[in-house]
Amino acid sequence: MSTHQTPESQEKFNQLKALLREMFQLDRGDLDFGLYRIMNMMADKVTKFLDNDLLPQVKTILAGVSDEDRADLEKHIEDARAMAKTLGINPDDAPKVIELKQLLAEARTDLAS
């Protein structure tokens, strides 16, 4: 999978990483007792996971969801096109078809990111 992300998705992913760093208290190197000592010993592994392993795993999981979502959107597009034809409207000019096509294009862009 490509590692290119849209600026918005990159920002959200960075927010997730920052939240996880805070949860794992990776910025508490000055504390060296009890649970903090264990967390300090694991900090390198957690940081490596956040920086290298998390994004590919998230993309893999989201790809499966995206396949279902895209198939659902494609069905809705076909239904909207059929309804537009029934009403005597050019399907490519129907607002619902245009909206659904835009959503499908965004879903494909997100998957490629």
PDB file of N, CA and C in Angstrom:
ATOM      1  N   MET A   1       0.829  -1.172   0.000  1.00  0.00           N
ATOM      2  CA  MET A   1       0.000   0.000   0.000  1.00  0.00           C
ATOM      3  C   MET A   1       0.875   1.238   0.000  1.00  0.00           C
ATOM      4  N   SER A   2       0.371   2.295  -0.611  1.00  0.00           N
ATOM      5  CA  SER A   2       1.081   3.552  -0.670  1.00  0.00           C
ATOM      6  C   SER A   2       1.096   4.194   0.710  1.00  0.00           C
ATOM      7  N   THR A   3       2.169   4.951   1.002  1.00  0.00           N
ATOM      8  CA  THR A   3       2.230   5.636   2.280  1.00  0.00           C
ATOM      9  C   THR A   3       1.785   7.077   2.136  1.00  0.00           C
ATOM     10  N   HIS A   4       1.364   7.505   0.924  1.00  0.00           N
ATOM     11  CA  HIS A   4       0.875   8.858   0.703  1.00  0.00           C
ATOM     12  C   HIS A   4      -0.488   9.018   1.359  1.00  0.00           C
ATOM     13  N   GLN A   5      -0.656  10.148   2.076  1.00  0.00           N
ATOM     14  CA  GLN A   5      -1.913  10.418   2.738  1.00  0.00           C
ATOM     15  C   GLN A   5      -2.355  11.834   2.402  1.00  0.00           C
ATOM     16  N   THR A   6      -3.656  12.072   2.444  1.00  0.00           N
ATOM     17  CA  THR A   6      -4.147  13.424   2.291  1.00  0.00           C
ATOM     18  C   THR A   6      -3.743  14.202   3.535  1.00  0.00           C
ATOM     19  N   PRO A   7      -3.611  15.532   3.425  1.00  0.00           N
ATOM     20  CA  PRO A   7      -3.213  16.318   4.606  1.00  0.00           C
ATOM     21  C   PRO A   7      -4.168  16.112   5.783  1.00  0.00           C
ATOM     22  N   GLU A   8      -5.457  15.995   5.504  1.00  0.00           N
ATOM     23  CA  GLU A   8      -6.430  15.808   6.576  1.00  0.00           C
ATOM     24  C   GLU A   8      -6.241  14.462   7.267  1.00  0.00           C
ATOM     25  N   SER A   9      -6.057  13.403   6.483  1.00  0.00           N
ATOM     26  CA  SER A   9      -5.891  12.086   7.100  1.00  0.00           C
ATOM     27  C   SER A   9      -4.544  12.003   7.822  1.00  0.00           C
ATOM     28  N   GLN A  10      -3.518  12.672   7.292  1.00  0.00           N
ATOM     29  CA  GLN A  10      -2.215  12.693   7.965  1.00  0.00           C
ATOM     30  C   GLN A  10      -2.338  13.409   9.308  1.00  0.00           C
ATOM     31  N   GLU A  11      -3.080  14.516   9.335  1.00  0.00           N
ATOM     32  CA  GLU A  11      -3.268  15.265  10.577  1.00  0.00           C
ATOM     33  C   GLU A  11      -4.012  14.419  11.605  1.00  0.00           C
ATOM     34  N   LYS A  12      -5.062  13.723  11.174  1.00  0.00           N
ATOM     35  CA  LYS A  12      -5.825  12.879  12.094  1.00  0.00           C
ATOM     36  C   LYS A  12      -4.985  11.718  12.605  1.00  0.00           C
ATOM     37  N   PHE A  13      -4.161  11.134  11.729  1.00  0.00           N
ATOM     38  CA  PHE A  13      -3.290  10.044  12.160  1.00  0.00           C
ATOM     39  C   PHE A  13      -2.273  10.558  13.176  1.00  0.00           C
ATOM     40  N   ASN A  14      -1.729  11.759  12.938  1.00  0.00           N
ATOM     41  CA  ASN A  14      -0.780  12.346  13.892  1.00  0.00           C
ATOM     42  C   ASN A  14      -1.445  12.626  15.234  1.00  0.00           C
ATOM     43  N   GLN A  15      -2.716  13.043  15.209  1.00  0.00           N
ATOM     44  CA  GLN A  15      -3.459  13.249  16.450  1.00  0.00           C
ATOM     45  C   GLN A  15      -3.622  11.928  17.202  1.00  0.00           C
ATOM     46  N   LEU A  16      -3.909  10.850  16.460  1.00  0.00           N
ATOM     47  CA  LEU A  16      -4.029   9.532  17.085  1.00  0.00           C
ATOM     48  C   LEU A  16      -2.712   9.123  17.726  1.00  0.00           C
ATOM     49  N   LYS A  17      -1.606   9.312  17.007  1.00  0.00           N
ATOM     50  CA  LYS A  17      -0.299   8.957  17.568  1.00  0.00           C
ATOM     51  C   LYS A  17       0.011   9.784  18.808  1.00  0.00           C
ATOM     52  N   ALA A  18      -0.312  11.072  18.788  1.00  0.00           N
ATOM     53  CA  ALA A  18      -0.059  11.931  19.948  1.00  0.00           C
ATOM     54  C   ALA A  18      -0.880  11.472  21.147  1.00  0.00           C
ATOM     55  N   LEU A  19      -2.127  11.098  20.892  1.00  0.00           N
ATOM     56  CA  LEU A  19      -2.980  10.601  21.975  1.00  0.00           C
ATOM     57  C   LEU A  19      -2.421   9.297  22.550  1.00  0.00           C
ATOM     58  N   LEU A  20      -1.974   8.408  21.685  1.00  0.00           N
ATOM     59  CA  LEU A  20      -1.402   7.146  22.167  1.00  0.00           C
ATOM     60  C   LEU A  20      -0.106   7.390  22.936  1.00  0.00           C
ATOM     61  N   ARG A  21       0.725   8.330  22.460  1.00  0.00           N
ATOM     62  CA  ARG A  21       1.951   8.667  23.199  1.00  0.00           C
ATOM     63  C   ARG A  21       1.606   9.186  24.595  1.00  0.00           C
ATOM     64  N   GLU A  22       0.557  10.008  24.662  1.00  0.00           N
ATOM     65  CA  GLU A  22       0.129  10.543  25.955  1.00  0.00           C
ATOM     66  C   GLU A  22      -0.401   9.428  26.847  1.00  0.00           C
ATOM     67  N   MET A  23      -1.219   8.522  26.259  1.00  0.00           N
ATOM     68  CA  MET A  23      -1.773   7.412  27.037  1.00  0.00           C
ATOM     69  C   MET A  23      -0.672   6.512  27.595  1.00  0.00           C
ATOM     70  N   PHE A  24       0.341   6.275  26.768  1.00  0.00           N
ATOM     71  CA  PHE A  24       1.440   5.419  27.207  1.00  0.00           C
ATOM     72  C   PHE A  24       2.488   6.206  27.988  1.00  0.00           C
ATOM     73  N   GLN A  25       2.242   7.488  28.167  1.00  0.00           N
ATOM     74  CA  GLN A  25       3.100   8.384  28.945  1.00  0.00           C
ATOM     75  C   GLN A  25       4.560   8.285  28.508  1.00  0.00           C
ATOM     76  N   LEU A  26       4.772   8.376  27.197  1.00  0.00           N
ATOM     77  CA  LEU A  26       6.127   8.268  26.665  1.00  0.00           C
ATOM     78  C   LEU A  26       6.958   9.512  26.939  1.00  0.00           C
ATOM     79  N   ASP A  27       6.324  10.575  27.411  1.00  0.00           N
ATOM     80  CA  ASP A  27       7.049  11.804  27.719  1.00  0.00           C
ATOM     81  C   ASP A  27       7.403  11.913  29.201  1.00  0.00           C
ATOM     82  N   ARG A  28       7.312  10.834  29.921  1.00  0.00           N
ATOM     83  CA  ARG A  28       7.570  10.833  31.364  1.00  0.00           C
ATOM     84  C   ARG A  28       8.887  10.146  31.700  1.00  0.00           C
ATOM     85  N   GLY A  29       9.915  10.409  30.925  1.00  0.00           N
ATOM     86  CA  GLY A  29      11.213   9.784  31.158  1.00  0.00           C
ATOM     87  C   GLY A  29      11.840  10.156  32.482  1.00  0.00           C
ATOM     88  N   ASP A  30      11.423  11.280  33.074  1.00  0.00           N
ATOM     89  CA  ASP A  30      11.991  11.726  34.336  1.00  0.00           C
ATOM     90  C   ASP A  30      11.506  10.905  35.533  1.00  0.00           C
ATOM     91  N   LEU A  31      10.414  10.191  35.366  1.00  0.00           N
ATOM     92  CA  LEU A  31       9.902   9.357  36.451  1.00  0.00           C
ATOM     93  C   LEU A  31      10.461   7.943  36.298  1.00  0.00           C
ATOM     94  N   ASP A  32      11.061   7.412  37.377  1.00  0.00           N
ATOM     95  CA  ASP A  32      11.718   6.113  37.275  1.00  0.00           C
ATOM     96  C   ASP A  32      11.373   5.236  38.484  1.00  0.00           C
ATOM     97  N   PHE A  33      10.065   5.001  38.666  1.00  0.00           N
ATOM     98  CA  PHE A  33       9.653   4.114  39.752  1.00  0.00           C
ATOM     99  C   PHE A  33       8.378   3.399  39.346  1.00  0.00           C
ATOM    100  N   GLY A  34       8.167   2.241  39.901  1.00  0.00           N
ATOM    101  CA  GLY A  34       6.955   1.467  39.683  1.00  0.00           C
ATOM    102  C   GLY A  34       6.588   1.285  38.222  1.00  0.00           C
ATOM    103  N   LEU A  35       5.354   1.613  37.916  1.00  0.00           N
ATOM    104  CA  LEU A  35       4.832   1.460  36.561  1.00  0.00           C
ATOM    105  C   LEU A  35       5.599   2.324  35.562  1.00  0.00           C
ATOM    106  N   TYR A  36       6.043   3.505  36.001  1.00  0.00           N
ATOM    107  CA  TYR A  36       6.796   4.376  35.098  1.00  0.00           C
ATOM    108  C   TYR A  36       8.099   3.724  34.638  1.00  0.00           C
ATOM    109  N   ARG A  37       8.727   2.973  35.517  1.00  0.00           N
ATOM    110  CA  ARG A  37       9.971   2.284  35.155  1.00  0.00           C
ATOM    111  C   ARG A  37       9.693   1.270  34.036  1.00  0.00           C
ATOM    112  N   ILE A  38       8.599   0.511  34.183  1.00  0.00           N
ATOM    113  CA  ILE A  38       8.227  -0.471  33.150  1.00  0.00           C
ATOM    114  C   ILE A  38       7.912   0.248  31.846  1.00  0.00           C
ATOM    115  N   MET A  39       7.131   1.348  31.920  1.00  0.00           N
ATOM    116  CA  MET A  39       6.786   2.100  30.716  1.00  0.00           C
ATOM    117  C   MET A  39       8.045   2.674  30.052  1.00  0.00           C
ATOM    118  N   ASN A  40       9.006   3.142  30.840  1.00  0.00           N
ATOM    119  CA  ASN A  40      10.247   3.671  30.270  1.00  0.00           C
ATOM    120  C   ASN A  40      11.028   2.576  29.553  1.00  0.00           C
ATOM    121  N   MET A  41      11.011   1.356  30.113  1.00  0.00           N
ATOM    122  CA  MET A  41      11.723   0.252  29.471  1.00  0.00           C
ATOM    123  C   MET A  41      11.058  -0.115  28.144  1.00  0.00           C
ATOM    124  N   MET A  42       9.751   0.030  28.045  1.00  0.00           N
ATOM    125  CA  MET A  42       9.012  -0.333  26.841  1.00  0.00           C
ATOM    126  C   MET A  42       8.857   0.835  25.857  1.00  0.00           C
ATOM    127  N   ALA A  43       9.315   2.011  26.216  1.00  0.00           N
ATOM    128  CA  ALA A  43       9.090   3.211  25.409  1.00  0.00           C
ATOM    129  C   ALA A  43       9.611   3.056  23.985  1.00  0.00           C
ATOM    130  N   ASP A  44      10.788   2.461  23.822  1.00  0.00           N
ATOM    131  CA  ASP A  44      11.344   2.295  22.471  1.00  0.00           C
ATOM    132  C   ASP A  44      10.461   1.401  21.604  1.00  0.00           C
ATOM    133  N   LYS A  45       9.974   0.308  22.175  1.00  0.00           N
ATOM    134  CA  LYS A  45       9.105  -0.596  21.418  1.00  0.00           C
ATOM    135  C   LYS A  45       7.784   0.076  21.061  1.00  0.00           C
ATOM    136  N   VAL A  46       7.206   0.797  22.000  1.00  0.00           N
ATOM    137  CA  VAL A  46       5.943   1.490  21.740  1.00  0.00           C
ATOM    138  C   VAL A  46       6.150   2.568  20.680  1.00  0.00           C
ATOM    139  N   THR A  47       7.230   3.330  20.791  1.00  0.00           N
ATOM    140  CA  THR A  47       7.528   4.374  19.805  1.00  0.00           C
ATOM    141  C   THR A  47       7.737   3.769  18.428  1.00  0.00           C
ATOM    142  N   LYS A  48       8.460   2.662  18.342  1.00  0.00           N
ATOM    143  CA  LYS A  48       8.671   1.991  17.049  1.00  0.00           C
ATOM    144  C   LYS A  48       7.340   1.553  16.459  1.00  0.00           C
ATOM    145  N   PHE A  49       6.479   1.003  17.294  1.00  0.00           N
ATOM    146  CA  PHE A  49       5.169   0.584  16.827  1.00  0.00           C
ATOM    147  C   PHE A  49       4.376   1.773  16.295  1.00  0.00           C
ATOM    148  N   LEU A  50       4.334   2.860  17.050  1.00  0.00           N
ATOM    149  CA  LEU A  50       3.568   4.034  16.628  1.00  0.00           C
ATOM    150  C   LEU A  50       4.115   4.630  15.336  1.00  0.00           C
ATOM    151  N   ASP A  51       5.438   4.667  15.210  1.00  0.00           N
ATOM    152  CA  ASP A  51       6.056   5.311  14.048  1.00  0.00           C
ATOM    153  C   ASP A  51       6.098   4.420  12.808  1.00  0.00           C
ATOM    154  N   ASN A  52       6.191   3.104  12.976  1.00  0.00           N
ATOM    155  CA  ASN A  52       6.410   2.224  11.828  1.00  0.00           C
ATOM    156  C   ASN A  52       5.293   1.218  11.552  1.00  0.00           C
ATOM    157  N   ASP A  53       4.683   0.683  12.586  1.00  0.00           N
ATOM    158  CA  ASP A  53       3.774  -0.446  12.408  1.00  0.00           C
ATOM    159  C   ASP A  53       2.292  -0.081  12.445  1.00  0.00           C
ATOM    160  N   LEU A  54       1.947   0.998  13.100  1.00  0.00           N
ATOM    161  CA  LEU A  54       0.535   1.337  13.284  1.00  0.00           C
ATOM    162  C   LEU A  54      -0.159   1.681  11.972  1.00  0.00           C
ATOM    163  N   LEU A  55       0.424   2.546  11.162  1.00  0.00           N
ATOM    164  CA  LEU A  55      -0.226   2.997   9.929  1.00  0.00           C
ATOM    165  C   LEU A  55      -0.548   1.845   8.976  1.00  0.00           C
ATOM    166  N   PRO A  56       0.390   0.937   8.668  1.00  0.00           N
ATOM    167  CA  PRO A  56       0.034  -0.183   7.780  1.00  0.00           C
ATOM    168  C   PRO A  56      -1.096  -1.043   8.345  1.00  0.00           C
ATOM    169  N   GLN A  57      -1.121  -1.248   9.654  1.00  0.00           N
ATOM    170  CA  GLN A  57      -2.176  -2.058  10.246  1.00  0.00           C
ATOM    171  C   GLN A  57      -3.530  -1.356  10.156  1.00  0.00           C
ATOM    172  N   VAL A  58      -3.546  -0.057  10.380  1.00  0.00           N
ATOM    173  CA  VAL A  58      -4.791   0.714  10.268  1.00  0.00           C
ATOM    174  C   VAL A  58      -5.298   0.665   8.831  1.00  0.00           C
ATOM    175  N   LYS A  59      -4.403   0.863   7.866  1.00  0.00           N
ATOM    176  CA  LYS A  59      -4.801   0.843   6.458  1.00  0.00           C
ATOM    177  C   LYS A  59      -5.360  -0.521   6.060  1.00  0.00           C
ATOM    178  N   THR A  60      -4.759  -1.590   6.539  1.00  0.00           N
ATOM    179  CA  THR A  60      -5.238  -2.935   6.220  1.00  0.00           C
ATOM    180  C   THR A  60      -6.654  -3.138   6.742  1.00  0.00           C
ATOM    181  N   ILE A  61      -6.888  -2.718   7.968  1.00  0.00           N
ATOM    182  CA  ILE A  61      -8.219  -2.876   8.559  1.00  0.00           C
ATOM    183  C   ILE A  61      -9.243  -2.020   7.829  1.00  0.00           C
ATOM    184  N   LEU A  62      -8.880  -0.773   7.537  1.00  0.00           N
ATOM    185  CA  LEU A  62      -9.815   0.130   6.868  1.00  0.00           C
ATOM    186  C   LEU A  62     -10.074  -0.274   5.422  1.00  0.00           C
ATOM    187  N   ALA A  63      -9.146  -0.953   4.795  1.00  0.00           N
ATOM    188  CA  ALA A  63      -9.343  -1.381   3.406  1.00  0.00           C
ATOM    189  C   ALA A  63     -10.533  -2.330   3.301  1.00  0.00           C
ATOM    190  N   GLY A  64     -10.691  -3.231   4.247  1.00  0.00           N
ATOM    191  CA  GLY A  64     -11.820  -4.150   4.232  1.00  0.00           C
ATOM    192  C   GLY A  64     -13.143  -3.433   4.389  1.00  0.00           C
ATOM    193  N   VAL A  65     -13.177  -2.463   5.279  1.00  0.00           N
ATOM    194  CA  VAL A  65     -14.382  -1.666   5.470  1.00  0.00           C
ATOM    195  C   VAL A  65     -14.658  -0.855   4.213  1.00  0.00           C
ATOM    196  N   SER A  66     -13.621  -0.308   3.612  1.00  0.00           N
ATOM    197  CA  SER A  66     -13.785   0.521   2.425  1.00  0.00           C
ATOM    198  C   SER A  66     -14.351  -0.284   1.265  1.00  0.00           C
ATOM    199  N   ASP A  67     -13.962  -1.542   1.130  1.00  0.00           N
ATOM    200  CA  ASP A  67     -14.508  -2.377   0.063  1.00  0.00           C
ATOM    201  C   ASP A  67     -16.023  -2.504   0.200  1.00  0.00           C
ATOM    202  N   GLU A  68     -16.485  -2.734   1.416  1.00  0.00           N
ATOM    203  CA  GLU A  68     -17.923  -2.850   1.668  1.00  0.00           C
ATOM    204  C   GLU A  68     -18.620  -1.517   1.409  1.00  0.00           C
ATOM    205  N   ASP A  69     -18.007  -0.444   1.879  1.00  0.00           N
ATOM    206  CA  ASP A  69     -18.606   0.880   1.688  1.00  0.00           C
ATOM    207  C   ASP A  69     -18.683   1.244   0.209  1.00  0.00           C
ATOM    208  N   ARG A  70     -17.620   0.952  -0.524  1.00  0.00           N
ATOM    209  CA  ARG A  70     -17.610   1.274  -1.956  1.00  0.00           C
ATOM    210  C   ARG A  70     -18.672   0.471  -2.690  1.00  0.00           C
ATOM    211  N   ALA A  71     -18.811  -0.798  -2.380  1.00  0.00           N
ATOM    212  CA  ALA A  71     -19.827  -1.628  -3.023  1.00  0.00           C
ATOM    213  C   ALA A  71     -21.225  -1.088  -2.712  1.00  0.00           C
ATOM    214  N   ASP A  72     -21.426  -0.662  -1.475  1.00  0.00           N
ATOM    215  CA  ASP A  72     -22.712  -0.094  -1.076  1.00  0.00           C
ATOM    216  C   ASP A  72     -22.986   1.211  -1.833  1.00  0.00           C
ATOM    217  N   LEU A  73     -21.971   2.064  -1.947  1.00  0.00           N
ATOM    218  CA  LEU A  73     -22.130   3.312  -2.693  1.00  0.00           C
ATOM    219  C   LEU A  73     -22.429   3.049  -4.165  1.00  0.00           C
ATOM    220  N   GLU A  74     -21.741   2.080  -4.747  1.00  0.00           N
ATOM    221  CA  GLU A  74     -21.978   1.753  -6.158  1.00  0.00           C
ATOM    222  C   GLU A  74     -23.420   1.282  -6.363  1.00  0.00           C
ATOM    223  N   LYS A  75     -23.946   0.513  -5.428  1.00  0.00           N
ATOM    224  CA  LYS A  75     -25.342   0.069  -5.519  1.00  0.00           C
ATOM    225  C   LYS A  75     -26.286   1.265  -5.426  1.00  0.00           C
ATOM    226  N   HIS A  76     -26.016   2.168  -4.497  1.00  0.00           N
ATOM    227  CA  HIS A  76     -26.842   3.353  -4.355  1.00  0.00           C
ATOM    228  C   HIS A  76     -26.799   4.224  -5.613  1.00  0.00           C
ATOM    229  N   ILE A  77     -25.626   4.307  -6.236  1.00  0.00           N
ATOM    230  CA  ILE A  77     -25.501   5.078  -7.474  1.00  0.00           C
ATOM    231  C   ILE A  77     -26.384   4.472  -8.556  1.00  0.00           C
ATOM    232  N   GLU A  78     -26.323   3.157  -8.688  1.00  0.00           N
ATOM    233  CA  GLU A  78     -27.155   2.489  -9.703  1.00  0.00           C
ATOM    234  C   GLU A  78     -28.641   2.696  -9.420  1.00  0.00           C
ATOM    235  N   ASP A  79     -29.020   2.614  -8.141  1.00  0.00           N
ATOM    236  CA  ASP A  79     -30.424   2.847  -7.771  1.00  0.00           C
ATOM    237  C   ASP A  79     -30.840   4.277  -8.098  1.00  0.00           C
ATOM    238  N   ALA A  80     -29.962   5.251  -7.787  1.00  0.00           N
ATOM    239  CA  ALA A  80     -30.271   6.654  -8.060  1.00  0.00           C
ATOM    240  C   ALA A  80     -30.345   6.913  -9.565  1.00  0.00           C
ATOM    241  N   ARG A  81     -29.466   6.264 -10.325  1.00  0.00           N
ATOM    242  CA  ARG A  81     -29.502   6.415 -11.787  1.00  0.00           C
ATOM    243  C   ARG A  81     -30.815   5.858 -12.347  1.00  0.00           C
ATOM    244  N   ALA A  82     -31.237   4.711 -11.839  1.00  0.00           N
ATOM    245  CA  ALA A  82     -32.485   4.097 -12.305  1.00  0.00           C
ATOM    246  C   ALA A  82     -33.679   4.989 -11.961  1.00  0.00           C
ATOM    247  N   MET A  83     -33.670   5.561 -10.759  1.00  0.00           N
ATOM    248  CA  MET A  83     -34.755   6.452 -10.354  1.00  0.00           C
ATOM    249  C   MET A  83     -34.776   7.700 -11.238  1.00  0.00           C
ATOM    250  N   ALA A  84     -33.601   8.248 -11.534  1.00  0.00           N
ATOM    251  CA  ALA A  84     -33.534   9.434 -12.395  1.00  0.00           C
ATOM    252  C   ALA A  84     -34.092   9.120 -13.779  1.00  0.00           C
ATOM    253  N   LYS A  85     -33.738   7.963 -14.333  1.00  0.00           N
ATOM    254  CA  LYS A  85     -34.250   7.565 -15.655  1.00  0.00           C
ATOM    255  C   LYS A  85     -35.775   7.436 -15.605  1.00  0.00           C
ATOM    256  N   THR A  86     -36.273   6.855 -14.519  1.00  0.00           N
ATOM    257  CA  THR A  86     -37.717   6.690 -14.359  1.00  0.00           C
ATOM    258  C   THR A  86     -38.425   8.053 -14.357  1.00  0.00           C
ATOM    259  N   LEU A  87     -37.773   9.045 -13.767  1.00  0.00           N
ATOM    260  CA  LEU A  87     -38.350  10.386 -13.689  1.00  0.00           C
ATOM    261  C   LEU A  87     -38.095  11.213 -14.953  1.00  0.00           C
ATOM    262  N   GLY A  88     -37.361  10.634 -15.901  1.00  0.00           N
ATOM    263  CA  GLY A  88     -37.071  11.349 -17.133  1.00  0.00           C
ATOM    264  C   GLY A  88     -35.942  12.354 -16.995  1.00  0.00           C
ATOM    265  N   ILE A  89     -35.100  12.167 -15.996  1.00  0.00           N
ATOM    266  CA  ILE A  89     -33.958  13.052 -15.752  1.00  0.00           C
ATOM    267  C   ILE A  89     -32.692  12.352 -16.234  1.00  0.00           C
ATOM    268  N   ASN A  90     -31.780  13.126 -16.825  1.00  0.00           N
ATOM    269  CA  ASN A  90     -30.482  12.577 -17.213  1.00  0.00           C
ATOM    270  C   ASN A  90     -29.771  12.134 -15.930  1.00  0.00           C
ATOM    271  N   PRO A  91     -29.455  10.851 -15.796  1.00  0.00           N
ATOM    272  CA  PRO A  91     -28.840  10.348 -14.550  1.00  0.00           C
ATOM    273  C   PRO A  91     -27.547  11.062 -14.185  1.00  0.00           C
ATOM    274  N   ASP A  92     -26.788  11.488 -15.188  1.00  0.00           N
ATOM    275  CA  ASP A  92     -25.514  12.147 -14.881  1.00  0.00           C
ATOM    276  C   ASP A  92     -25.710  13.556 -14.332  1.00  0.00           C
ATOM    277  N   ASP A  93     -26.916  14.118 -14.481  1.00  0.00           N
ATOM    278  CA  ASP A  93     -27.214  15.451 -13.966  1.00  0.00           C
ATOM    279  C   ASP A  93     -27.992  15.417 -12.649  1.00  0.00           C
ATOM    280  N   ALA A  94     -28.405  14.247 -12.227  1.00  0.00           N
ATOM    281  CA  ALA A  94     -29.203  14.120 -11.004  1.00  0.00           C
ATOM    282  C   ALA A  94     -28.333  14.444  -9.786  1.00  0.00           C
ATOM    283  N   PRO A  95     -28.796  15.343  -8.916  1.00  0.00           N
ATOM    284  CA  PRO A  95     -27.996  15.731  -7.739  1.00  0.00           C
ATOM    285  C   PRO A  95     -27.583  14.548  -6.862  1.00  0.00           C
ATOM    286  N   LYS A  96     -28.476  13.582  -6.664  1.00  0.00           N
ATOM    287  CA  LYS A  96     -28.147  12.418  -5.814  1.00  0.00           C
ATOM    288  C   LYS A  96     -27.040  11.581  -6.438  1.00  0.00           C
ATOM    289  N   VAL A  97     -27.091  11.395  -7.762  1.00  0.00           N
ATOM    290  CA  VAL A  97     -26.046  10.633  -8.461  1.00  0.00           C
ATOM    291  C   VAL A  97     -24.713  11.365  -8.330  1.00  0.00           C
ATOM    292  N   ILE A  98     -24.734  12.674  -8.529  1.00  0.00           N
ATOM    293  CA  ILE A  98     -23.505  13.470  -8.421  1.00  0.00           C
ATOM    294  C   ILE A  98     -22.923  13.360  -7.013  1.00  0.00           C
ATOM    295  N   GLU A  99     -23.792  13.480  -6.006  1.00  0.00           N
ATOM    296  CA  GLU A  99     -23.350  13.386  -4.611  1.00  0.00           C
ATOM    297  C   GLU A  99     -22.735  12.017  -4.305  1.00  0.00           C
ATOM    298  N   LEU A 100     -23.403  10.962  -4.739  1.00  0.00           N
ATOM    299  CA  LEU A 100     -22.910   9.609  -4.478  1.00  0.00           C
ATOM    300  C   LEU A 100     -21.602   9.341  -5.215  1.00  0.00           C
ATOM    301  N   LYS A 101     -21.472   9.844  -6.432  1.00  0.00           N
ATOM    302  CA  LYS A 101     -20.221   9.670  -7.184  1.00  0.00           C
ATOM    303  C   LYS A 101     -19.075  10.385  -6.479  1.00  0.00           C
ATOM    304  N   GLN A 102     -19.367  11.550  -5.911  1.00  0.00           N
ATOM    305  CA  GLN A 102     -18.333  12.280  -5.179  1.00  0.00           C
ATOM    306  C   GLN A 102     -17.900  11.493  -3.942  1.00  0.00           C
ATOM    307  N   LEU A 103     -18.869  10.934  -3.221  1.00  0.00           N
ATOM    308  CA  LEU A 103     -18.542  10.107  -2.051  1.00  0.00           C
ATOM    309  C   LEU A 103     -17.705   8.895  -2.447  1.00  0.00           C
ATOM    310  N   LEU A 104     -18.059   8.280  -3.575  1.00  0.00           N
ATOM    311  CA  LEU A 104     -17.300   7.120  -4.045  1.00  0.00           C
ATOM    312  C   LEU A 104     -15.879   7.523  -4.416  1.00  0.00           C
ATOM    313  N   ALA A 105     -15.718   8.667  -5.073  1.00  0.00           N
ATOM    314  CA  ALA A 105     -14.380   9.148  -5.430  1.00  0.00           C
ATOM    315  C   ALA A 105     -13.554   9.411  -4.176  1.00  0.00           C
ATOM    316  N   GLU A 106     -14.177   9.984  -3.140  1.00  0.00           N
ATOM    317  CA  GLU A 106     -13.476  10.243  -1.885  1.00  0.00           C
ATOM    318  C   GLU A 106     -13.073   8.935  -1.206  1.00  0.00           C
ATOM    319  N   ALA A 107     -13.948   7.939  -1.256  1.00  0.00           N
ATOM    320  CA  ALA A 107     -13.632   6.636  -0.658  1.00  0.00           C
ATOM    321  C   ALA A 107     -12.443   5.997  -1.360  1.00  0.00           C
ATOM    322  N   ARG A 108     -12.396   6.126  -2.683  1.00  0.00           N
ATOM    323  CA  ARG A 108     -11.254   5.583  -3.430  1.00  0.00           C
ATOM    324  C   ARG A 108      -9.979   6.338  -3.114  1.00  0.00           C
ATOM    325  N   THR A 109     -10.081   7.666  -2.950  1.00  0.00           N
ATOM    326  CA  THR A 109      -8.909   8.474  -2.604  1.00  0.00           C
ATOM    327  C   THR A 109      -8.388   8.084  -1.233  1.00  0.00           C
ATOM    328  N   ASP A 110      -9.303   7.906  -0.253  1.00  0.00           N
ATOM    329  CA  ASP A 110      -8.901   7.513   1.092  1.00  0.00           C
ATOM    330  C   ASP A 110      -8.209   6.168   1.108  1.00  0.00           C
ATOM    331  N   LEU A 111      -8.694   5.237   0.299  1.00  0.00           N
ATOM    332  CA  LEU A 111      -8.086   3.910   0.248  1.00  0.00           C
ATOM    333  C   LEU A 111      -6.690   3.982  -0.362  1.00  0.00           C
ATOM    334  N   ALA A 112      -6.508   4.830  -1.366  1.00  0.00           N
ATOM    335  CA  ALA A 112      -5.204   4.955  -2.022  1.00  0.00           C
ATOM    336  C   ALA A 112      -4.195   5.660  -1.124  1.00  0.00           C
ATOM    337  N   SER A 113      -4.683   6.395  -0.134  1.00  0.00           N
ATOM    338  CA  SER A 113      -3.786   7.142   0.756  1.00  0.00           C
ATOM    339  C   SER A 113      -2.998   6.221   1.644  1.00  0.00           C
TER     340      SER A 113
END
